[in-house]
């Protein structure tokens, strides 16, 4: 998912994982922007000490900097909850 600002308004653009690999874009409301901020804050509390074989990896990039977070807890499922609100 890519968040971008155009003419003072924020938009989200994402690509589906389906066979058509379509691209979707939508205007973000102030509630959705707040949801994104909360999600980003929660990423800072990810505990990478889990020994599960499956892990969710999140990468947040802004300009030239990038930070990666890993969740192997099998309890948070952050993106599923996040995506349902966007």
C-alpha atoms as a PDB file:
ATOM      1  CA  UNK A   1       0.000   0.000   0.000  1.00  0.00           C
ATOM      2  CA  UNK A   2       1.267   3.444  -0.853  1.00  0.00           C
ATOM      3  CA  UNK A   3      -0.005   6.577   0.867  1.00  0.00           C
ATOM      4  CA  UNK A   4       0.464   9.810  -1.029  1.00  0.00           C
ATOM      5  CA  UNK A   5      -0.637  13.426  -0.796  1.00  0.00           C
ATOM      6  CA  UNK A   6      -1.959  15.379  -3.752  1.00  0.00           C
ATOM      7  CA  UNK A   7      -3.315  18.937  -3.559  1.00  0.00           C
ATOM      8  CA  UNK A   8      -3.574  18.763   0.232  1.00  0.00           C
ATOM      9  CA  UNK A   9      -5.528  15.488   0.294  1.00  0.00           C
ATOM     10  CA  UNK A  10      -4.282  12.012   1.199  1.00  0.00           C
ATOM     11  CA  UNK A  11      -4.874   8.931  -0.925  1.00  0.00           C
ATOM     12  CA  UNK A  12      -4.131   5.224  -0.563  1.00  0.00           C
ATOM     13  CA  UNK A  13      -3.092   3.085  -3.496  1.00  0.00           C
ATOM     14  CA  UNK A  14      -2.732  -0.669  -3.313  1.00  0.00           C
ATOM     15  CA  UNK A  15      -2.437  -3.619  -5.658  1.00  0.00           C
ATOM     16  CA  UNK A  16      -4.522  -6.741  -5.404  1.00  0.00           C
ATOM     17  CA  UNK A  17      -2.948 -10.159  -5.182  1.00  0.00           C
ATOM     18  CA  UNK A  18      -5.443 -11.623  -7.623  1.00  0.00           C
ATOM     19  CA  UNK A  19      -4.822 -12.908 -11.098  1.00  0.00           C
ATOM     20  CA  UNK A  20      -5.628  -9.550 -12.691  1.00  0.00           C
ATOM     21  CA  UNK A  21      -3.105  -7.666 -10.493  1.00  0.00           C
ATOM     22  CA  UNK A  22      -5.335  -4.598 -10.584  1.00  0.00           C
ATOM     23  CA  UNK A  23      -4.500  -1.320  -8.894  1.00  0.00           C
ATOM     24  CA  UNK A  24      -6.955   0.529  -6.660  1.00  0.00           C
ATOM     25  CA  UNK A  25      -6.812   4.048  -5.270  1.00  0.00           C
ATOM     26  CA  UNK A  26      -9.067   5.950  -2.894  1.00  0.00           C
ATOM     27  CA  UNK A  27      -9.318   9.228  -0.996  1.00  0.00           C
ATOM     28  CA  UNK A  28      -8.569   8.888   2.747  1.00  0.00           C
ATOM     29  CA  UNK A  29     -10.892  10.385   5.333  1.00  0.00           C
ATOM     30  CA  UNK A  30      -9.556  11.889   8.555  1.00  0.00           C
ATOM     31  CA  UNK A  31     -10.677   8.724  10.411  1.00  0.00           C
ATOM     32  CA  UNK A  32      -8.729   6.537   7.983  1.00  0.00           C
ATOM     33  CA  UNK A  33      -5.645   8.745   8.343  1.00  0.00           C
ATOM     34  CA  UNK A  34      -5.858   8.341  12.120  1.00  0.00           C
ATOM     35  CA  UNK A  35      -6.125   4.558  11.653  1.00  0.00           C
ATOM     36  CA  UNK A  36      -2.916   4.616   9.592  1.00  0.00           C
ATOM     37  CA  UNK A  37      -1.140   6.624  12.295  1.00  0.00           C
ATOM     38  CA  UNK A  38      -2.220   4.171  15.005  1.00  0.00           C
ATOM     39  CA  UNK A  39      -1.108   1.219  12.874  1.00  0.00           C
ATOM     40  CA  UNK A  40       2.310   2.790  12.382  1.00  0.00           C
ATOM     41  CA  UNK A  41       2.666   3.396  16.133  1.00  0.00           C
ATOM     42  CA  UNK A  42       1.673  -0.197  16.937  1.00  0.00           C
ATOM     43  CA  UNK A  43       4.378  -1.488  14.589  1.00  0.00           C
ATOM     44  CA  UNK A  44       6.982  -0.052  16.962  1.00  0.00           C
ATOM     45  CA  UNK A  45       5.852  -2.550  19.620  1.00  0.00           C
ATOM     46  CA  UNK A  46       6.338  -5.673  17.504  1.00  0.00           C
ATOM     47  CA  UNK A  47       8.273  -8.384  19.302  1.00  0.00           C
ATOM     48  CA  UNK A  48      10.542 -10.241  16.880  1.00  0.00           C
ATOM     49  CA  UNK A  49      11.452 -12.974  19.390  1.00  0.00           C
ATOM     50  CA  UNK A  50       8.767 -15.446  18.306  1.00  0.00           C
ATOM     51  CA  UNK A  51       9.980 -18.705  16.815  1.00  0.00           C
ATOM     52  CA  UNK A  52       7.084 -19.281  14.441  1.00  0.00           C
ATOM     53  CA  UNK A  53       7.748 -20.425  10.899  1.00  0.00           C
ATOM     54  CA  UNK A  54       5.401 -17.841   9.424  1.00  0.00           C
ATOM     55  CA  UNK A  55       5.901 -14.145  10.060  1.00  0.00           C
ATOM     56  CA  UNK A  56       4.311 -10.966   8.753  1.00  0.00           C
ATOM     57  CA  UNK A  57       6.820  -8.390   7.567  1.00  0.00           C
ATOM     58  CA  UNK A  58       5.954  -4.704   7.329  1.00  0.00           C
ATOM     59  CA  UNK A  59       8.155  -2.076   5.733  1.00  0.00           C
ATOM     60  CA  UNK A  60       7.454   1.617   6.247  1.00  0.00           C
ATOM     61  CA  UNK A  61       9.281   3.970   3.894  1.00  0.00           C
ATOM     62  CA  UNK A  62       9.384   7.738   3.841  1.00  0.00           C
ATOM     63  CA  UNK A  63      11.614   9.534   1.384  1.00  0.00           C
ATOM     64  CA  UNK A  64      15.081   7.963   1.712  1.00  0.00           C
ATOM     65  CA  UNK A  65      14.522   6.161   5.026  1.00  0.00           C
ATOM     66  CA  UNK A  66      12.953   2.762   5.507  1.00  0.00           C
ATOM     67  CA  UNK A  67      12.225   0.589   8.553  1.00  0.00           C
ATOM     68  CA  UNK A  68      11.131  -3.045   8.643  1.00  0.00           C
ATOM     69  CA  UNK A  69       9.010  -4.665  11.360  1.00  0.00           C
ATOM     70  CA  UNK A  70       8.378  -8.395  11.826  1.00  0.00           C
ATOM     71  CA  UNK A  71       5.416  -9.986  13.615  1.00  0.00           C
ATOM     72  CA  UNK A  72       5.571 -13.701  14.338  1.00  0.00           C
ATOM     73  CA  UNK A  73       3.046 -13.681  17.155  1.00  0.00           C
ATOM     74  CA  UNK A  74       0.090 -15.167  15.269  1.00  0.00           C
ATOM     75  CA  UNK A  75      -2.131 -12.968  17.453  1.00  0.00           C
ATOM     76  CA  UNK A  76      -1.929  -9.421  16.105  1.00  0.00           C
ATOM     77  CA  UNK A  77      -2.804  -9.780  12.395  1.00  0.00           C
ATOM     78  CA  UNK A  78      -2.320  -6.029  12.125  1.00  0.00           C
ATOM     79  CA  UNK A  79      -2.646  -5.639   8.391  1.00  0.00           C
ATOM     80  CA  UNK A  80      -5.912  -7.594   8.216  1.00  0.00           C
ATOM     81  CA  UNK A  81      -7.498  -5.304  10.808  1.00  0.00           C
ATOM     82  CA  UNK A  82      -5.875  -2.235   9.267  1.00  0.00           C
ATOM     83  CA  UNK A  83      -6.950  -3.080   5.712  1.00  0.00           C
ATOM     84  CA  UNK A  84     -10.521  -3.655   6.839  1.00  0.00           C
ATOM     85  CA  UNK A  85     -10.681  -0.050   8.075  1.00  0.00           C
ATOM     86  CA  UNK A  86      -9.141   1.587   5.008  1.00  0.00           C
END
